[in-house]
Amino acid sequence: MSKVSDDIAAELAAVLRDGMTIAVGGFGLCGIPTDLIALVRDSGVRGLTVASNNLGVDGKGLGILLENGQIDKVLSSYVGENRFFMQQYIDGKLDVEFVPQGTLAERMRAGGSGIPAFYTPTGYGTPVAEGKPVAEFNGRRCVLERAIHADVALVHARTADTFGNLRYRLTARNFNPLAAMCGRTTFAEAEQIVEPGELAPDDIHTPGVFVHHLMRATAAKDIEQRTTHPRPGPKEVA
């Protein structure tokens, strides 16, 4: 059964509601589901809790939802590239739960794996551990972290087949497979969509069982920070 949608905006709008939790793939602007984020903005849904590594940059990625006043709480590892995000947090206008990056990844994975919680030594003895149960394992104090179960997940892939099997490109994989796992309803966008069988089983990063709706990605990619070096000149011939 094909999961490619003829009207994904309507299907997304049908499940969106105020106050829900959304998990979003991406790292900075790398691998972010730009088209799907724009559809969430256009829906006008508000009071969102967003679980994502960060909120993109000012005016791009999840930053557009924040600037549109649609996000109330963020579970995130990093805020440094988005000045508006930082200022909202400093001014106390945004509820931010800082989560160590590996812990955030594991909380998403746990949510998709049916694991309600897990212990990790990361964060013990820091504000991250405040109010959380602590236990000792092999002489190390560990903090209990709960799985993330998102109402909706948004992810971006390089290639998908019509069954919803996804393959990511290089570092654009980042949090996308984990976000896809933890969403009760997962929407994916892909740069190219192929027929079943064109993705070899070993090339699939996210099985289609985790994906409910699929669209062709159309938005241009943004580069967060461009770093270049001079092209070497021609070699001299002796």
C-alpha atoms as a PDB file:
ATOM      1  CA  MET A   1       0.000   0.000   0.000  1.00  0.00           C
ATOM      2  CA  SER A   2       1.419   3.348  -1.028  1.00  0.00           C
ATOM      3  CA  LYS A   3       1.943   5.900   1.734  1.00  0.00           C
ATOM      4  CA  VAL A   4       2.527   8.762  -0.700  1.00  0.00           C
ATOM      5  CA  SER A   5      -0.096  11.400  -0.022  1.00  0.00           C
ATOM      6  CA  ASP A   6      -1.977  13.458  -2.577  1.00  0.00           C
ATOM      7  CA  ASP A   7      -2.780  16.082   0.070  1.00  0.00           C
ATOM      8  CA  ILE A   8      -0.379  15.744   2.967  1.00  0.00           C
ATOM      9  CA  ALA A   9      -1.277  19.223   4.254  1.00  0.00           C
ATOM     10  CA  ALA A  10      -4.834  18.024   4.918  1.00  0.00           C
ATOM     11  CA  GLU A  11      -3.633  14.775   6.492  1.00  0.00           C
ATOM     12  CA  LEU A  12      -1.237  16.635   8.769  1.00  0.00           C
ATOM     13  CA  ALA A  13      -3.868  19.198   9.706  1.00  0.00           C
ATOM     14  CA  ALA A  14      -6.231  16.358  10.622  1.00  0.00           C
ATOM     15  CA  VAL A  15      -3.927  15.110  13.397  1.00  0.00           C
ATOM     16  CA  LEU A  16      -2.446  18.413  14.600  1.00  0.00           C
ATOM     17  CA  ARG A  17      -3.951  19.990  17.684  1.00  0.00           C
ATOM     18  CA  ASP A  18      -2.983  22.647  20.188  1.00  0.00           C
ATOM     19  CA  GLY A  19      -0.719  21.482  23.005  1.00  0.00           C
ATOM     20  CA  MET A  20       0.622  18.358  21.318  1.00  0.00           C
ATOM     21  CA  THR A  21       4.206  17.039  21.310  1.00  0.00           C
ATOM     22  CA  ILE A  22       6.108  16.933  18.026  1.00  0.00           C
ATOM     23  CA  ALA A  23       9.468  15.206  17.454  1.00  0.00           C
ATOM     24  CA  VAL A  24      11.483  16.652  14.584  1.00  0.00           C
ATOM     25  CA  GLY A  25      14.586  15.285  12.891  1.00  0.00           C
ATOM     26  CA  GLY A  26      17.570  17.356  11.856  1.00  0.00           C
ATOM     27  CA  PHE A  27      20.715  18.896  13.293  1.00  0.00           C
ATOM     28  CA  GLY A  28      20.960  22.623  12.756  1.00  0.00           C
ATOM     29  CA  LEU A  29      19.671  22.908   9.194  1.00  0.00           C
ATOM     30  CA  CYS A  30      21.080  19.520   8.142  1.00  0.00           C
ATOM     31  CA  GLY A  31      18.378  16.970   7.393  1.00  0.00           C
ATOM     32  CA  ILE A  32      15.482  19.104   8.610  1.00  0.00           C
ATOM     33  CA  PRO A  33      11.969  18.465   7.199  1.00  0.00           C
ATOM     34  CA  THR A  34      11.575  21.977   5.782  1.00  0.00           C
ATOM     35  CA  ASP A  35       8.364  21.349   3.832  1.00  0.00           C
ATOM     36  CA  LEU A  36       6.619  19.666   6.757  1.00  0.00           C
ATOM     37  CA  ILE A  37       7.660  22.390   9.194  1.00  0.00           C
ATOM     38  CA  ALA A  38       6.127  24.952   6.834  1.00  0.00           C
ATOM     39  CA  LEU A  39       2.871  22.986   6.812  1.00  0.00           C
ATOM     40  CA  VAL A  40       2.795  23.002  10.620  1.00  0.00           C
ATOM     41  CA  ARG A  41       3.290  26.771  10.538  1.00  0.00           C
ATOM     42  CA  ASP A  42       0.481  27.216   8.034  1.00  0.00           C
ATOM     43  CA  SER A  43      -1.877  25.076  10.138  1.00  0.00           C
ATOM     44  CA  GLY A  44      -1.804  27.657  12.923  1.00  0.00           C
ATOM     45  CA  VAL A  45      -1.562  25.025  15.688  1.00  0.00           C
ATOM     46  CA  ARG A  46      -0.201  26.490  18.945  1.00  0.00           C
ATOM     47  CA  GLY A  47       1.070  25.538  22.382  1.00  0.00           C
ATOM     48  CA  LEU A  48       3.429  22.931  20.941  1.00  0.00           C
ATOM     49  CA  THR A  49       6.066  20.968  22.811  1.00  0.00           C
ATOM     50  CA  VAL A  50       8.918  20.254  20.386  1.00  0.00           C
ATOM     51  CA  ALA A  51      11.567  17.565  20.872  1.00  0.00           C
ATOM     52  CA  SER A  52      14.502  18.263  18.593  1.00  0.00           C
ATOM     53  CA  ASN A  53      18.245  18.685  18.889  1.00  0.00           C
ATOM     54  CA  ASN A  54      17.851  22.427  18.342  1.00  0.00           C
ATOM     55  CA  LEU A  55      15.507  24.916  16.689  1.00  0.00           C
ATOM     56  CA  GLY A  56      17.426  25.661  13.528  1.00  0.00           C
ATOM     57  CA  VAL A  57      18.472  29.280  13.071  1.00  0.00           C
ATOM     58  CA  ASP A  58      16.622  32.586  13.050  1.00  0.00           C
ATOM     59  CA  GLY A  59      13.959  32.493  10.367  1.00  0.00           C
ATOM     60  CA  LYS A  60      14.728  28.953   9.203  1.00  0.00           C
ATOM     61  CA  GLY A  61      13.827  25.440  10.282  1.00  0.00           C
ATOM     62  CA  LEU A  62      11.935  25.215  13.548  1.00  0.00           C
ATOM     63  CA  GLY A  63      12.849  28.843  14.124  1.00  0.00           C
ATOM     64  CA  ILE A  64       9.840  29.819  12.012  1.00  0.00           C
ATOM     65  CA  LEU A  65       7.464  28.070  14.416  1.00  0.00           C
ATOM     66  CA  LEU A  66       9.105  29.742  17.390  1.00  0.00           C
ATOM     67  CA  GLU A  67       8.942  33.195  15.818  1.00  0.00           C
ATOM     68  CA  ASN A  68       5.290  32.551  14.934  1.00  0.00           C
ATOM     69  CA  GLY A  69       4.485  31.948  18.610  1.00  0.00           C
ATOM     70  CA  GLN A  70       3.510  28.310  18.096  1.00  0.00           C
ATOM     71  CA  ILE A  71       5.996  26.669  20.503  1.00  0.00           C
ATOM     72  CA  ASP A  72       5.590  26.761  24.286  1.00  0.00           C
ATOM     73  CA  LYS A  73       8.143  24.147  25.375  1.00  0.00           C
ATOM     74  CA  VAL A  74      11.315  22.689  23.910  1.00  0.00           C
ATOM     75  CA  LEU A  75      13.264  19.517  24.717  1.00  0.00           C
ATOM     76  CA  SER A  76      16.620  20.318  23.182  1.00  0.00           C
ATOM     77  CA  SER A  77      20.379  19.958  23.475  1.00  0.00           C
ATOM     78  CA  TYR A  78      21.594  23.200  21.952  1.00  0.00           C
ATOM     79  CA  VAL A  79      20.353  26.753  21.439  1.00  0.00           C
ATOM     80  CA  GLY A  80      23.490  28.540  20.269  1.00  0.00           C
ATOM     81  CA  GLU A  81      22.683  29.174  16.597  1.00  0.00           C
ATOM     82  CA  ASN A  82      19.260  30.741  17.136  1.00  0.00           C
ATOM     83  CA  ARG A  83      19.440  34.168  18.764  1.00  0.00           C
ATOM     84  CA  PHE A  84      15.660  34.472  19.123  1.00  0.00           C
ATOM     85  CA  PHE A  85      15.550  31.075  20.841  1.00  0.00           C
ATOM     86  CA  MET A  86      18.259  32.166  23.289  1.00  0.00           C
ATOM     87  CA  GLN A  87      16.521  35.445  24.058  1.00  0.00           C
ATOM     88  CA  GLN A  88      13.152  33.787  24.605  1.00  0.00           C
ATOM     89  CA  TYR A  89      14.786  31.401  27.062  1.00  0.00           C
ATOM     90  CA  ILE A  90      16.689  34.157  28.883  1.00  0.00           C
ATOM     91  CA  ASP A  91      13.532  36.262  29.145  1.00  0.00           C
ATOM     92  CA  GLY A  92      11.592  33.340  30.622  1.00  0.00           C
ATOM     93  CA  LYS A  93       9.111  33.300  27.745  1.00  0.00           C
ATOM     94  CA  LEU A  94       9.944  29.754  26.668  1.00  0.00           C
ATOM     95  CA  ASP A  95      10.000  26.571  28.743  1.00  0.00           C
ATOM     96  CA  VAL A  96      13.253  24.787  27.838  1.00  0.00           C
ATOM     97  CA  GLU A  97      14.258  21.358  29.096  1.00  0.00           C
ATOM     98  CA  PHE A  98      17.921  20.897  28.274  1.00  0.00           C
ATOM     99  CA  VAL A  99      18.715  17.266  27.479  1.00  0.00           C
ATOM    100  CA  PRO A 100      22.234  15.910  26.851  1.00  0.00           C
ATOM    101  CA  GLN A 101      22.493  15.059  23.175  1.00  0.00           C
ATOM    102  CA  GLY A 102      23.014  11.315  23.592  1.00  0.00           C
ATOM    103  CA  THR A 103      20.256  11.182  26.193  1.00  0.00           C
ATOM    104  CA  LEU A 104      17.863  12.949  23.827  1.00  0.00           C
ATOM    105  CA  ALA A 105      18.675  10.428  21.096  1.00  0.00           C
ATOM    106  CA  GLU A 106      18.168   7.506  23.473  1.00  0.00           C
ATOM    107  CA  ARG A 107      14.913   8.933  24.847  1.00  0.00           C
ATOM    108  CA  MET A 108      13.541   9.050  21.305  1.00  0.00           C
ATOM    109  CA  ARG A 109      14.825   5.558  20.522  1.00  0.00           C
ATOM    110  CA  ALA A 110      13.332   4.232  23.747  1.00  0.00           C
ATOM    111  CA  GLY A 111       9.976   5.731  22.852  1.00  0.00           C
ATOM    112  CA  GLY A 112       9.974   3.842  19.559  1.00  0.00           C
ATOM    113  CA  SER A 113      11.217   0.615  21.148  1.00  0.00           C
ATOM    114  CA  GLY A 114       8.597   0.299  23.868  1.00  0.00           C
ATOM    115  CA  ILE A 115      11.063   1.093  26.658  1.00  0.00           C
ATOM    116  CA  PRO A 116       9.379   3.420  29.180  1.00  0.00           C
ATOM    117  CA  ALA A 117      12.576   4.659  30.855  1.00  0.00           C
ATOM    118  CA  PHE A 118      16.287   3.925  31.302  1.00  0.00           C
ATOM    119  CA  TYR A 119      19.168   4.833  33.584  1.00  0.00           C
ATOM    120  CA  THR A 120      22.224   6.746  32.389  1.00  0.00           C
ATOM    121  CA  PRO A 121      25.214   8.258  34.214  1.00  0.00           C
ATOM    122  CA  THR A 122      25.057  11.298  31.933  1.00  0.00           C
ATOM    123  CA  GLY A 123      23.866  14.350  33.834  1.00  0.00           C
ATOM    124  CA  TYR A 124      24.280  12.957  37.346  1.00  0.00           C
ATOM    125  CA  GLY A 125      25.338  15.690  39.763  1.00  0.00           C
ATOM    126  CA  THR A 126      24.164  18.466  37.418  1.00  0.00           C
ATOM    127  CA  PRO A 127      20.904  20.422  37.101  1.00  0.00           C
ATOM    128  CA  VAL A 128      19.855  17.850  34.463  1.00  0.00           C
ATOM    129  CA  ALA A 129      19.325  15.331  37.274  1.00  0.00           C
ATOM    130  CA  GLU A 130      17.246  17.543  39.555  1.00  0.00           C
ATOM    131  CA  GLY A 131      14.006  15.860  40.613  1.00  0.00           C
ATOM    132  CA  LYS A 132      14.813  12.575  38.865  1.00  0.00           C
ATOM    133  CA  PRO A 133      15.279   9.169  40.542  1.00  0.00           C
ATOM    134  CA  VAL A 134      18.896   8.098  40.980  1.00  0.00           C
ATOM    135  CA  ALA A 135      20.269   4.561  41.319  1.00  0.00           C
ATOM    136  CA  GLU A 136      23.728   3.022  41.526  1.00  0.00           C
ATOM    137  CA  PHE A 137      25.004   0.461  39.013  1.00  0.00           C
ATOM    138  CA  ASN A 138      28.475  -1.032  39.358  1.00  0.00           C
ATOM    139  CA  GLY A 139      29.532   1.839  41.563  1.00  0.00           C
ATOM    140  CA  ARG A 140      28.236   4.585  39.237  1.00  0.00           C
ATOM    141  CA  ARG A 141      25.325   6.834  40.082  1.00  0.00           C
ATOM    142  CA  CYS A 142      22.807   7.020  37.259  1.00  0.00           C
ATOM    143  CA  VAL A 143      19.780   9.156  36.494  1.00  0.00           C
ATOM    144  CA  LEU A 144      16.412   7.836  35.353  1.00  0.00           C
ATOM    145  CA  GLU A 145      15.360   9.295  32.006  1.00  0.00           C
ATOM    146  CA  ARG A 146      11.916   8.745  30.504  1.00  0.00           C
ATOM    147  CA  ALA A 147      11.196   7.847  26.906  1.00  0.00           C
ATOM    148  CA  ILE A 148       9.830  10.462  24.523  1.00  0.00           C
ATOM    149  CA  HIS A 149       6.489   9.569  22.951  1.00  0.00           C
ATOM    150  CA  ALA A 150       5.589  12.214  20.392  1.00  0.00           C
ATOM    151  CA  ASP A 151       2.076  12.665  19.057  1.00  0.00           C
ATOM    152  CA  VAL A 152       3.548  13.508  15.647  1.00  0.00           C
ATOM    153  CA  ALA A 153       7.027  13.085  14.161  1.00  0.00           C
ATOM    154  CA  LEU A 154       8.419  14.977  11.169  1.00  0.00           C
ATOM    155  CA  VAL A 155      11.465  13.634   9.293  1.00  0.00           C
ATOM    156  CA  HIS A 156      13.436  14.237   6.106  1.00  0.00           C
ATOM    157  CA  ALA A 157      15.028  11.501   3.970  1.00  0.00           C
ATOM    158  CA  ARG A 158      17.107  11.443   0.815  1.00  0.00           C
ATOM    159  CA  THR A 159      15.215   8.514  -0.710  1.00  0.00           C
ATOM    160  CA  ALA A 160      11.982   6.712   0.099  1.00  0.00           C
ATOM    161  CA  ASP A 161       9.968   4.012  -1.551  1.00  0.00           C
ATOM    162  CA  THR A 162       6.198   4.188  -1.716  1.00  0.00           C
ATOM    163  CA  PHE A 163       5.905   1.828   1.280  1.00  0.00           C
ATOM    164  CA  GLY A 164       7.602   4.480   3.434  1.00  0.00           C
ATOM    165  CA  ASN A 165      10.999   2.808   3.776  1.00  0.00           C
ATOM    166  CA  LEU A 166      13.551   5.598   4.196  1.00  0.00           C
ATOM    167  CA  ARG A 167      17.224   6.096   3.429  1.00  0.00           C
ATOM    168  CA  TYR A 168      19.093   9.175   4.654  1.00  0.00           C
ATOM    169  CA  ARG A 169      22.207  10.776   3.187  1.00  0.00           C
ATOM    170  CA  LEU A 170      25.369  10.866   5.291  1.00  0.00           C
ATOM    171  CA  THR A 171      25.123  13.153   8.343  1.00  0.00           C
ATOM    172  CA  ALA A 172      21.607  14.208   7.344  1.00  0.00           C
ATOM    173  CA  ARG A 173      20.577  10.961   9.026  1.00  0.00           C
ATOM    174  CA  ASN A 174      21.286  12.472  12.512  1.00  0.00           C
ATOM    175  CA  PHE A 175      18.092  12.451  14.635  1.00  0.00           C
ATOM    176  CA  ASN A 176      15.728  11.510  11.801  1.00  0.00           C
ATOM    177  CA  PRO A 177      15.525   7.718  12.397  1.00  0.00           C
ATOM    178  CA  LEU A 178      15.009   8.278  16.126  1.00  0.00           C
ATOM    179  CA  ALA A 179      12.303  10.907  15.636  1.00  0.00           C
ATOM    180  CA  ALA A 180      10.540   8.627  13.150  1.00  0.00           C
ATOM    181  CA  MET A 181      10.501   5.829  15.718  1.00  0.00           C
ATOM    182  CA  CYS A 182       9.000   7.778  18.593  1.00  0.00           C
ATOM    183  CA  GLY A 183       6.100   9.396  16.734  1.00  0.00           C
ATOM    184  CA  ARG A 184       2.629   7.910  17.076  1.00  0.00           C
ATOM    185  CA  THR A 185       1.977   9.341  13.614  1.00  0.00           C
ATOM    186  CA  THR A 186       5.060   9.954  11.475  1.00  0.00           C
ATOM    187  CA  PHE A 187       5.154  12.187   8.423  1.00  0.00           C
ATOM    188  CA  ALA A 188       8.169  11.902   6.128  1.00  0.00           C
ATOM    189  CA  GLU A 189       9.382  13.980   3.225  1.00  0.00           C
ATOM    190  CA  ALA A 190      11.913  12.574   0.749  1.00  0.00           C
ATOM    191  CA  GLU A 191      13.944  14.155  -2.016  1.00  0.00           C
ATOM    192  CA  GLN A 192      13.178  11.243  -4.300  1.00  0.00           C
ATOM    193  CA  ILE A 193      10.523   8.546  -4.136  1.00  0.00           C
ATOM    194  CA  VAL A 194      11.070   5.191  -5.841  1.00  0.00           C
ATOM    195  CA  GLU A 195       9.055   2.039  -6.339  1.00  0.00           C
ATOM    196  CA  PRO A 196       9.177  -0.858  -3.842  1.00  0.00           C
ATOM    197  CA  GLY A 197      12.227  -3.040  -4.400  1.00  0.00           C
ATOM    198  CA  GLU A 198      14.454  -0.210  -5.621  1.00  0.00           C
ATOM    199  CA  LEU A 199      15.860   0.227  -2.113  1.00  0.00           C
ATOM    200  CA  ALA A 200      17.882  -2.821  -1.138  1.00  0.00           C
ATOM    201  CA  PRO A 201      16.935  -4.162   2.318  1.00  0.00           C
ATOM    202  CA  ASP A 202      20.397  -3.365   3.706  1.00  0.00           C
ATOM    203  CA  ASP A 203      20.110   0.218   2.434  1.00  0.00           C
ATOM    204  CA  ILE A 204      16.983   1.023   4.468  1.00  0.00           C
ATOM    205  CA  HIS A 205      17.631   3.109   7.576  1.00  0.00           C
ATOM    206  CA  THR A 206      14.008   3.535   8.727  1.00  0.00           C
ATOM    207  CA  PRO A 207      11.592   0.682   7.988  1.00  0.00           C
ATOM    208  CA  GLY A 208       8.281   1.769   6.524  1.00  0.00           C
ATOM    209  CA  VAL A 209       6.404   0.386   9.548  1.00  0.00           C
ATOM    210  CA  PHE A 210       7.361   3.597  11.362  1.00  0.00           C
ATOM    211  CA  VAL A 211       6.098   5.907   8.582  1.00  0.00           C
ATOM    212  CA  HIS A 212       2.432   6.718   8.047  1.00  0.00           C
ATOM    213  CA  HIS A 213       2.424   9.518   5.453  1.00  0.00           C
ATOM    214  CA  LEU A 214       4.964  10.456   2.781  1.00  0.00           C
ATOM    215  CA  MET A 215       5.504  13.434   0.487  1.00  0.00           C
ATOM    216  CA  ARG A 216       8.058  14.590  -2.074  1.00  0.00           C
ATOM    217  CA  ALA A 217      10.379  17.234  -0.617  1.00  0.00           C
ATOM    218  CA  THR A 218      10.483  20.401  -2.701  1.00  0.00           C
ATOM    219  CA  ALA A 219      12.112  23.099  -0.548  1.00  0.00           C
ATOM    220  CA  ALA A 220      15.632  24.243  -1.353  1.00  0.00           C
ATOM    221  CA  LYS A 221      18.321  23.214   1.116  1.00  0.00           C
ATOM    222  CA  ASP A 222      19.907  25.834   3.356  1.00  0.00           C
ATOM    223  CA  ILE A 223      23.511  25.785   4.511  1.00  0.00           C
ATOM    224  CA  GLU A 224      23.895  26.824   8.137  1.00  0.00           C
ATOM    225  CA  GLN A 225      27.594  27.642   8.017  1.00  0.00           C
ATOM    226  CA  ARG A 226      29.604  27.612   4.812  1.00  0.00           C
ATOM    227  CA  THR A 227      33.282  26.802   5.273  1.00  0.00           C
ATOM    228  CA  THR A 228      35.610  26.757   2.297  1.00  0.00           C
ATOM    229  CA  HIS A 229      39.322  26.746   1.625  1.00  0.00           C
ATOM    230  CA  PRO A 230      41.267  28.092  -1.368  1.00  0.00           C
ATOM    231  CA  ARG A 231      41.387  25.834  -4.395  1.00  0.00           C
ATOM    232  CA  PRO A 232      44.990  24.723  -4.983  1.00  0.00           C
ATOM    233  CA  GLY A 233      46.606  26.300  -8.005  1.00  0.00           C
ATOM    234  CA  PRO A 234      48.148  24.433 -10.954  1.00  0.00           C
ATOM    235  CA  LYS A 235      51.342  22.564 -10.260  1.00  0.00           C
ATOM    236  CA  GLU A 236      54.502  23.944 -11.806  1.00  0.00           C
ATOM    237  CA  VAL A 237      56.146  21.783 -14.420  1.00  0.00           C
ATOM    238  CA  ALA A 238      59.920  21.469 -13.990  1.00  0.00           C
END
